[in-house]
PDB file of all heavy atoms in Angstrom:
ATOM      1  N   HIS A   1       0.814  -1.222   0.000  1.00  0.00           N
ATOM      2  CA  HIS A   1       0.000   0.000   0.000  1.00  0.00           C
ATOM      3  C   HIS A   1       0.845   1.269   0.000  1.00  0.00           C
ATOM      4  O   HIS A   1       0.315   2.358  -0.184  1.00  0.00           O
ATOM      5  CB  HIS A   1      -0.937   0.011   1.217  1.00  0.00           C
ATOM      6  CG  HIS A   1      -1.845  -1.171   1.272  1.00  0.00           C
ATOM      7  ND1 HIS A   1      -2.896  -1.348   0.400  1.00  0.00           N
ATOM      8  CD2 HIS A   1      -1.830  -2.265   2.075  1.00  0.00           C
ATOM      9  CE1 HIS A   1      -3.501  -2.488   0.676  1.00  0.00           C
ATOM     10  NE2 HIS A   1      -2.872  -3.059   1.686  1.00  0.00           N
ATOM     11  N   PHE A   2       2.152   1.124   0.227  1.00  0.00           N
ATOM     12  CA  PHE A   2       3.011   2.291   0.377  1.00  0.00           C
ATOM     13  C   PHE A   2       4.123   2.340  -0.665  1.00  0.00           C
ATOM     14  O   PHE A   2       5.197   2.886  -0.415  1.00  0.00           O
ATOM     15  CB  PHE A   2       3.610   2.315   1.787  1.00  0.00           C
ATOM     16  CG  PHE A   2       2.550   2.348   2.843  1.00  0.00           C
ATOM     17  CD1 PHE A   2       2.142   1.182   3.487  1.00  0.00           C
ATOM     18  CD2 PHE A   2       1.924   3.547   3.171  1.00  0.00           C
ATOM     19  CE1 PHE A   2       1.150   1.212   4.448  1.00  0.00           C
ATOM     20  CE2 PHE A   2       0.924   3.580   4.131  1.00  0.00           C
ATOM     21  CZ  PHE A   2       0.538   2.410   4.773  1.00  0.00           C
ATOM     22  N   THR A   3       3.874   1.777  -1.831  1.00  0.00           N
ATOM     23  CA  THR A   3       4.870   1.762  -2.892  1.00  0.00           C
ATOM     24  C   THR A   3       4.174   1.829  -4.244  1.00  0.00           C
ATOM     25  O   THR A   3       2.997   1.506  -4.361  1.00  0.00           O
ATOM     26  CB  THR A   3       5.744   0.492  -2.802  1.00  0.00           C
ATOM     27  OG1 THR A   3       6.699   0.496  -3.860  1.00  0.00           O
ATOM     28  CG2 THR A   3       4.906  -0.776  -2.897  1.00  0.00           C
ATOM     29  N   ASN A   4       4.938   2.263  -5.229  1.00  0.00           N
ATOM     30  CA  ASN A   4       4.417   2.256  -6.602  1.00  0.00           C
ATOM     31  C   ASN A   4       4.589   0.885  -7.248  1.00  0.00           C
ATOM     32  O   ASN A   4       4.068   0.646  -8.328  1.00  0.00           O
ATOM     33  CB  ASN A   4       5.126   3.323  -7.445  1.00  0.00           C
ATOM     34  CG  ASN A   4       4.752   4.712  -6.987  1.00  0.00           C
ATOM     35  OD1 ASN A   4       3.644   4.946  -6.492  1.00  0.00           O
ATOM     36  ND2 ASN A   4       5.677   5.646  -7.129  1.00  0.00           N
ATOM     37  N   GLU A   5       5.321   0.026  -6.614  1.00  0.00           N
ATOM     38  CA  GLU A   5       5.527  -1.329  -7.121  1.00  0.00           C
ATOM     39  C   GLU A   5       4.195  -2.071  -7.060  1.00  0.00           C
ATOM     40  O   GLU A   5       3.516  -2.072  -6.035  1.00  0.00           O
ATOM     41  CB  GLU A   5       6.574  -2.018  -6.249  1.00  0.00           C
ATOM     42  CG  GLU A   5       7.170  -3.249  -6.830  1.00  0.00           C
ATOM     43  CD  GLU A   5       8.345  -3.747  -5.992  1.00  0.00           C
ATOM     44  OE1 GLU A   5       8.507  -3.304  -4.841  1.00  0.00           O
ATOM     45  OE2 GLU A   5       9.081  -4.584  -6.509  1.00  0.00           O
ATOM     46  N   LYS A   6       3.806  -2.672  -8.157  1.00  0.00           N
ATOM     47  CA  LYS A   6       2.479  -3.286  -8.242  1.00  0.00           C
ATOM     48  C   LYS A   6       2.462  -4.791  -7.966  1.00  0.00           C
ATOM     49  O   LYS A   6       1.419  -5.363  -7.702  1.00  0.00           O
ATOM     50  CB  LYS A   6       1.872  -3.040  -9.632  1.00  0.00           C
ATOM     51  CG  LYS A   6       1.705  -1.570  -9.960  1.00  0.00           C
ATOM     52  CD  LYS A   6       0.724  -0.924  -9.019  1.00  0.00           C
ATOM     53  CE  LYS A   6       0.554   0.545  -9.353  1.00  0.00           C
ATOM     54  NZ  LYS A   6       0.200   1.342  -8.209  1.00  0.00           N
ATOM     55  N   HIS A   7       3.618  -5.438  -8.069  1.00  0.00           N
ATOM     56  CA  HIS A   7       3.666  -6.893  -7.964  1.00  0.00           C
ATOM     57  C   HIS A   7       5.000  -7.331  -7.379  1.00  0.00           C
ATOM     58  O   HIS A   7       6.015  -6.659  -7.550  1.00  0.00           O
ATOM     59  CB  HIS A   7       3.491  -7.514  -9.356  1.00  0.00           C
ATOM     60  CG  HIS A   7       3.689  -8.995  -9.378  1.00  0.00           C
ATOM     61  ND1 HIS A   7       4.897  -9.562  -9.718  1.00  0.00           N
ATOM     62  CD2 HIS A   7       2.846 -10.016  -9.091  1.00  0.00           C
ATOM     63  CE1 HIS A   7       4.780 -10.886  -9.642  1.00  0.00           C
ATOM     64  NE2 HIS A   7       3.548 -11.184  -9.272  1.00  0.00           N
ATOM     65  N   ILE A   8       4.991  -8.446  -6.710  1.00  0.00           N
ATOM     66  CA  ILE A   8       6.218  -9.007  -6.154  1.00  0.00           C
ATOM     67  C   ILE A   8       6.114 -10.533  -6.180  1.00  0.00           C
ATOM     68  O   ILE A   8       5.010 -11.084  -6.230  1.00  0.00           O
ATOM     69  CB  ILE A   8       6.455  -8.482  -4.720  1.00  0.00           C
ATOM     70  CG1 ILE A   8       7.908  -8.651  -4.337  1.00  0.00           C
ATOM     71  CG2 ILE A   8       5.509  -9.112  -3.734  1.00  0.00           C
ATOM     72  CD1 ILE A   8       8.309  -7.787  -3.162  1.00  0.00           C
ATOM     73  N   PHE A   9       7.259 -11.196  -6.181  1.00  0.00           N
ATOM     74  CA  PHE A   9       7.309 -12.648  -6.085  1.00  0.00           C
ATOM     75  C   PHE A   9       7.664 -13.030  -4.648  1.00  0.00           C
ATOM     76  O   PHE A   9       8.298 -12.261  -3.938  1.00  0.00           O
ATOM     77  CB  PHE A   9       8.389 -13.227  -7.017  1.00  0.00           C
ATOM     78  CG  PHE A   9       8.044 -13.136  -8.466  1.00  0.00           C
ATOM     79  CD1 PHE A   9       8.451 -12.050  -9.217  1.00  0.00           C
ATOM     80  CD2 PHE A   9       7.317 -14.139  -9.087  1.00  0.00           C
ATOM     81  CE1 PHE A   9       8.135 -11.954 -10.557  1.00  0.00           C
ATOM     82  CE2 PHE A   9       6.996 -14.054 -10.435  1.00  0.00           C
ATOM     83  CZ  PHE A   9       7.407 -12.959 -11.173  1.00  0.00           C
ATOM     84  N   ALA A  10       7.276 -14.211  -4.246  1.00  0.00           N
ATOM     85  CA  ALA A  10       7.694 -14.759  -2.954  1.00  0.00           C
ATOM     86  C   ALA A  10       8.111 -16.203  -3.172  1.00  0.00           C
ATOM     87  O   ALA A  10       7.349 -17.001  -3.736  1.00  0.00           O
ATOM     88  CB  ALA A  10       6.576 -14.680  -1.927  1.00  0.00           C
ATOM     89  N   ASN A  11       9.328 -16.512  -2.774  1.00  0.00           N
ATOM     90  CA  ASN A  11       9.812 -17.887  -2.837  1.00  0.00           C
ATOM     91  C   ASN A  11       9.316 -18.626  -1.600  1.00  0.00           C
ATOM     92  O   ASN A  11       9.355 -18.104  -0.493  1.00  0.00           O
ATOM     93  CB  ASN A  11      11.337 -17.916  -2.869  1.00  0.00           C
ATOM     94  CG  ASN A  11      11.890 -17.300  -4.137  1.00  0.00           C
ATOM     95  OD1 ASN A  11      11.393 -17.553  -5.224  1.00  0.00           O
ATOM     96  ND2 ASN A  11      12.922 -16.496  -4.001  1.00  0.00           N
ATOM     97  N   LEU A  12       8.865 -19.841  -1.800  1.00  0.00           N
ATOM     98  CA  LEU A  12       8.334 -20.645  -0.699  1.00  0.00           C
ATOM     99  C   LEU A  12       8.659 -22.102  -0.974  1.00  0.00           C
ATOM    100  O   LEU A  12       8.273 -22.637  -2.015  1.00  0.00           O
ATOM    101  CB  LEU A  12       6.818 -20.436  -0.583  1.00  0.00           C
ATOM    102  CG  LEU A  12       6.059 -21.243   0.443  1.00  0.00           C
ATOM    103  CD1 LEU A  12       6.496 -20.875   1.852  1.00  0.00           C
ATOM    104  CD2 LEU A  12       4.562 -21.022   0.288  1.00  0.00           C
ATOM    105  N   GLY A  13       9.389 -22.739  -0.082  1.00  0.00           N
ATOM    106  CA  GLY A  13       9.708 -24.154  -0.251  1.00  0.00           C
ATOM    107  C   GLY A  13       8.518 -25.039   0.045  1.00  0.00           C
ATOM    108  O   GLY A  13       7.638 -24.675   0.837  1.00  0.00           O
ATOM    109  N   ASP A  14       8.494 -26.218  -0.564  1.00  0.00           N
ATOM    110  CA  ASP A  14       7.365 -27.116  -0.348  1.00  0.00           C
ATOM    111  C   ASP A  14       7.319 -27.653   1.084  1.00  0.00           C
ATOM    112  O   ASP A  14       6.240 -27.896   1.620  1.00  0.00           O
ATOM    113  CB  ASP A  14       7.369 -28.267  -1.357  1.00  0.00           C
ATOM    114  CG  ASP A  14       8.601 -29.149  -1.276  1.00  0.00           C
ATOM    115  OD1 ASP A  14       9.713 -28.607  -1.106  1.00  0.00           O
ATOM    116  OD2 ASP A  14       8.466 -30.388  -1.392  1.00  0.00           O
ATOM    117  N   GLY A  15       8.459 -27.787   1.721  1.00  0.00           N
ATOM    118  CA  GLY A  15       8.467 -28.215   3.123  1.00  0.00           C
ATOM    119  C   GLY A  15       7.801 -27.186   4.014  1.00  0.00           C
ATOM    120  O   GLY A  15       6.963 -27.516   4.859  1.00  0.00           O
ATOM    121  N   THR A  16       8.154 -25.920   3.810  1.00  0.00           N
ATOM    122  CA  THR A  16       7.530 -24.848   4.579  1.00  0.00           C
ATOM    123  C   THR A  16       6.057 -24.711   4.203  1.00  0.00           C
ATOM    124  O   THR A  16       5.206 -24.491   5.067  1.00  0.00           O
ATOM    125  CB  THR A  16       8.270 -23.521   4.341  1.00  0.00           C
ATOM    126  OG1 THR A  16       9.625 -23.680   4.732  1.00  0.00           O
ATOM    127  CG2 THR A  16       7.642 -22.390   5.123  1.00  0.00           C
ATOM    128  N   TYR A  17       5.752 -24.847   2.914  1.00  0.00           N
ATOM    129  CA  TYR A  17       4.358 -24.782   2.474  1.00  0.00           C
ATOM    130  C   TYR A  17       3.520 -25.781   3.257  1.00  0.00           C
ATOM    131  O   TYR A  17       2.434 -25.467   3.741  1.00  0.00           O
ATOM    132  CB  TYR A  17       4.255 -25.086   0.976  1.00  0.00           C
ATOM    133  CG  TYR A  17       2.830 -25.217   0.490  1.00  0.00           C
ATOM    134  CD1 TYR A  17       2.133 -24.103   0.055  1.00  0.00           C
ATOM    135  CD2 TYR A  17       2.182 -26.447   0.489  1.00  0.00           C
ATOM    136  CE1 TYR A  17       0.810 -24.211  -0.373  1.00  0.00           C
ATOM    137  CE2 TYR A  17       0.869 -26.567   0.071  1.00  0.00           C
ATOM    138  CZ  TYR A  17       0.186 -25.445  -0.363  1.00  0.00           C
ATOM    139  OH  TYR A  17      -1.104 -25.559  -0.770  1.00  0.00           O
ATOM    140  N   PHE A  18       4.046 -26.991   3.407  1.00  0.00           N
ATOM    141  CA  PHE A  18       3.276 -28.057   4.042  1.00  0.00           C
ATOM    142  C   PHE A  18       2.939 -27.735   5.490  1.00  0.00           C
ATOM    143  O   PHE A  18       1.827 -27.985   5.937  1.00  0.00           O
ATOM    144  CB  PHE A  18       4.039 -29.381   3.966  1.00  0.00           C
ATOM    145  CG  PHE A  18       3.234 -30.549   4.447  1.00  0.00           C
ATOM    146  CD1 PHE A  18       2.333 -31.175   3.606  1.00  0.00           C
ATOM    147  CD2 PHE A  18       3.358 -31.008   5.747  1.00  0.00           C
ATOM    148  CE1 PHE A  18       1.573 -32.244   4.049  1.00  0.00           C
ATOM    149  CE2 PHE A  18       2.595 -32.075   6.201  1.00  0.00           C
ATOM    150  CZ  PHE A  18       1.704 -32.692   5.349  1.00  0.00           C
ATOM    151  N   HIS A  19       3.905 -27.192   6.256  1.00  0.00           N
ATOM    152  CA  HIS A  19       3.615 -26.998   7.677  1.00  0.00           C
ATOM    153  C   HIS A  19       3.119 -25.613   8.049  1.00  0.00           C
ATOM    154  O   HIS A  19       2.439 -25.459   9.054  1.00  0.00           O
ATOM    155  CB  HIS A  19       4.805 -27.384   8.564  1.00  0.00           C
ATOM    156  CG  HIS A  19       6.026 -26.555   8.395  1.00  0.00           C
ATOM    157  ND1 HIS A  19       6.117 -25.234   8.739  1.00  0.00           N
ATOM    158  CD2 HIS A  19       7.239 -26.893   7.911  1.00  0.00           C
ATOM    159  CE1 HIS A  19       7.316 -24.790   8.487  1.00  0.00           C
ATOM    160  NE2 HIS A  19       8.019 -25.769   7.984  1.00  0.00           N
ATOM    161  N   SER A  20       3.426 -24.564   7.270  1.00  0.00           N
ATOM    162  CA  SER A  20       2.929 -23.244   7.672  1.00  0.00           C
ATOM    163  C   SER A  20       2.821 -22.243   6.522  1.00  0.00           C
ATOM    164  O   SER A  20       2.106 -21.264   6.648  1.00  0.00           O
ATOM    165  CB  SER A  20       3.828 -22.652   8.770  1.00  0.00           C
ATOM    166  OG  SER A  20       5.155 -22.545   8.294  1.00  0.00           O
ATOM    167  N   GLY A  21       3.506 -22.471   5.437  1.00  0.00           N
ATOM    168  CA  GLY A  21       3.489 -21.518   4.325  1.00  0.00           C
ATOM    169  C   GLY A  21       2.141 -21.384   3.641  1.00  0.00           C
ATOM    170  O   GLY A  21       1.824 -20.338   3.073  1.00  0.00           O
ATOM    171  N   TYR A  22       1.351 -22.437   3.715  1.00  0.00           N
ATOM    172  CA  TYR A  22       0.016 -22.389   3.133  1.00  0.00           C
ATOM    173  C   TYR A  22      -0.797 -21.255   3.739  1.00  0.00           C
ATOM    174  O   TYR A  22      -1.581 -20.594   3.059  1.00  0.00           O
ATOM    175  CB  TYR A  22      -0.666 -23.743   3.337  1.00  0.00           C
ATOM    176  CG  TYR A  22      -2.070 -23.835   2.824  1.00  0.00           C
ATOM    177  CD1 TYR A  22      -2.343 -23.660   1.467  1.00  0.00           C
ATOM    178  CD2 TYR A  22      -3.125 -24.110   3.676  1.00  0.00           C
ATOM    179  CE1 TYR A  22      -3.636 -23.755   0.989  1.00  0.00           C
ATOM    180  CE2 TYR A  22      -4.422 -24.207   3.200  1.00  0.00           C
ATOM    181  CZ  TYR A  22      -4.676 -24.027   1.858  1.00  0.00           C
ATOM    182  OH  TYR A  22      -5.954 -24.116   1.373  1.00  0.00           O
ATOM    183  N   LEU A  23      -0.567 -20.987   5.013  1.00  0.00           N
ATOM    184  CA  LEU A  23      -1.295 -19.896   5.679  1.00  0.00           C
ATOM    185  C   LEU A  23      -0.873 -18.535   5.146  1.00  0.00           C
ATOM    186  O   LEU A  23      -1.687 -17.609   5.071  1.00  0.00           O
ATOM    187  CB  LEU A  23      -1.075 -19.971   7.191  1.00  0.00           C
ATOM    188  CG  LEU A  23      -1.642 -21.219   7.864  1.00  0.00           C
ATOM    189  CD1 LEU A  23      -1.240 -21.249   9.335  1.00  0.00           C
ATOM    190  CD2 LEU A  23      -3.144 -21.280   7.699  1.00  0.00           C
ATOM    191  N   ALA A  24       0.399 -18.388   4.755  1.00  0.00           N
ATOM    192  CA  ALA A  24       0.848 -17.126   4.161  1.00  0.00           C
ATOM    193  C   ALA A  24       0.124 -16.884   2.837  1.00  0.00           C
ATOM    194  O   ALA A  24      -0.277 -15.754   2.529  1.00  0.00           O
ATOM    195  CB  ALA A  24       2.358 -17.149   3.951  1.00  0.00           C
ATOM    196  N   ILE A  25      -0.057 -17.943   2.067  1.00  0.00           N
ATOM    197  CA  ILE A  25      -0.785 -17.816   0.793  1.00  0.00           C
ATOM    198  C   ILE A  25      -2.244 -17.460   1.058  1.00  0.00           C
ATOM    199  O   ILE A  25      -2.809 -16.572   0.400  1.00  0.00           O
ATOM    200  CB  ILE A  25      -0.659 -19.110  -0.033  1.00  0.00           C
ATOM    201  CG1 ILE A  25       0.807 -19.307  -0.461  1.00  0.00           C
ATOM    202  CG2 ILE A  25      -1.586 -19.072  -1.244  1.00  0.00           C
ATOM    203  CD1 ILE A  25       1.082 -20.616  -1.154  1.00  0.00           C
ATOM    204  N   ARG A  26      -2.847 -18.091   2.028  1.00  0.00           N
ATOM    205  CA  ARG A  26      -4.241 -17.773   2.364  1.00  0.00           C
ATOM    206  C   ARG A  26      -4.374 -16.324   2.826  1.00  0.00           C
ATOM    207  O   ARG A  26      -5.352 -15.648   2.529  1.00  0.00           O
ATOM    208  CB  ARG A  26      -4.764 -18.727   3.435  1.00  0.00           C
ATOM    209  CG  ARG A  26      -4.873 -20.157   2.902  1.00  0.00           C
ATOM    210  CD  ARG A  26      -5.522 -21.062   3.884  1.00  0.00           C
ATOM    211  NE  ARG A  26      -6.972 -20.807   3.826  1.00  0.00           N
ATOM    212  CZ  ARG A  26      -7.817 -21.173   4.774  1.00  0.00           C
ATOM    213  NH1 ARG A  26      -7.382 -21.802   5.843  1.00  0.00           N
ATOM    214  NH2 ARG A  26      -9.085 -20.908   4.664  1.00  0.00           N
ATOM    215  N   GLN A  27      -3.363 -15.836   3.549  1.00  0.00           N
ATOM    216  CA  GLN A  27      -3.359 -14.447   4.000  1.00  0.00           C
ATOM    217  C   GLN A  27      -3.272 -13.505   2.808  1.00  0.00           C
ATOM    218  O   GLN A  27      -3.959 -12.485   2.770  1.00  0.00           O
ATOM    219  CB  GLN A  27      -2.180 -14.218   4.961  1.00  0.00           C
ATOM    220  CG  GLN A  27      -2.032 -12.827   5.483  1.00  0.00           C
ATOM    221  CD  GLN A  27      -1.179 -11.928   4.584  1.00  0.00           C
ATOM    222  OE1 GLN A  27      -1.277 -10.741   4.683  1.00  0.00           O
ATOM    223  NE2 GLN A  27      -0.364 -12.471   3.721  1.00  0.00           N
ATOM    224  N   ALA A  28      -2.464 -13.847   1.810  1.00  0.00           N
ATOM    225  CA  ALA A  28      -2.348 -13.016   0.613  1.00  0.00           C
ATOM    226  C   ALA A  28      -3.670 -12.957  -0.146  1.00  0.00           C
ATOM    227  O   ALA A  28      -4.057 -11.904  -0.665  1.00  0.00           O
ATOM    228  CB  ALA A  28      -1.234 -13.554  -0.291  1.00  0.00           C
TER     229      ALA A  28
END
């Protein structure tokens, strides 16, 4: 909300995705 940048990438490993990263995606 505080930048002119419109898009960004986020790297996420499948191990982290399995135990907690999925929640970061749901938050997005």
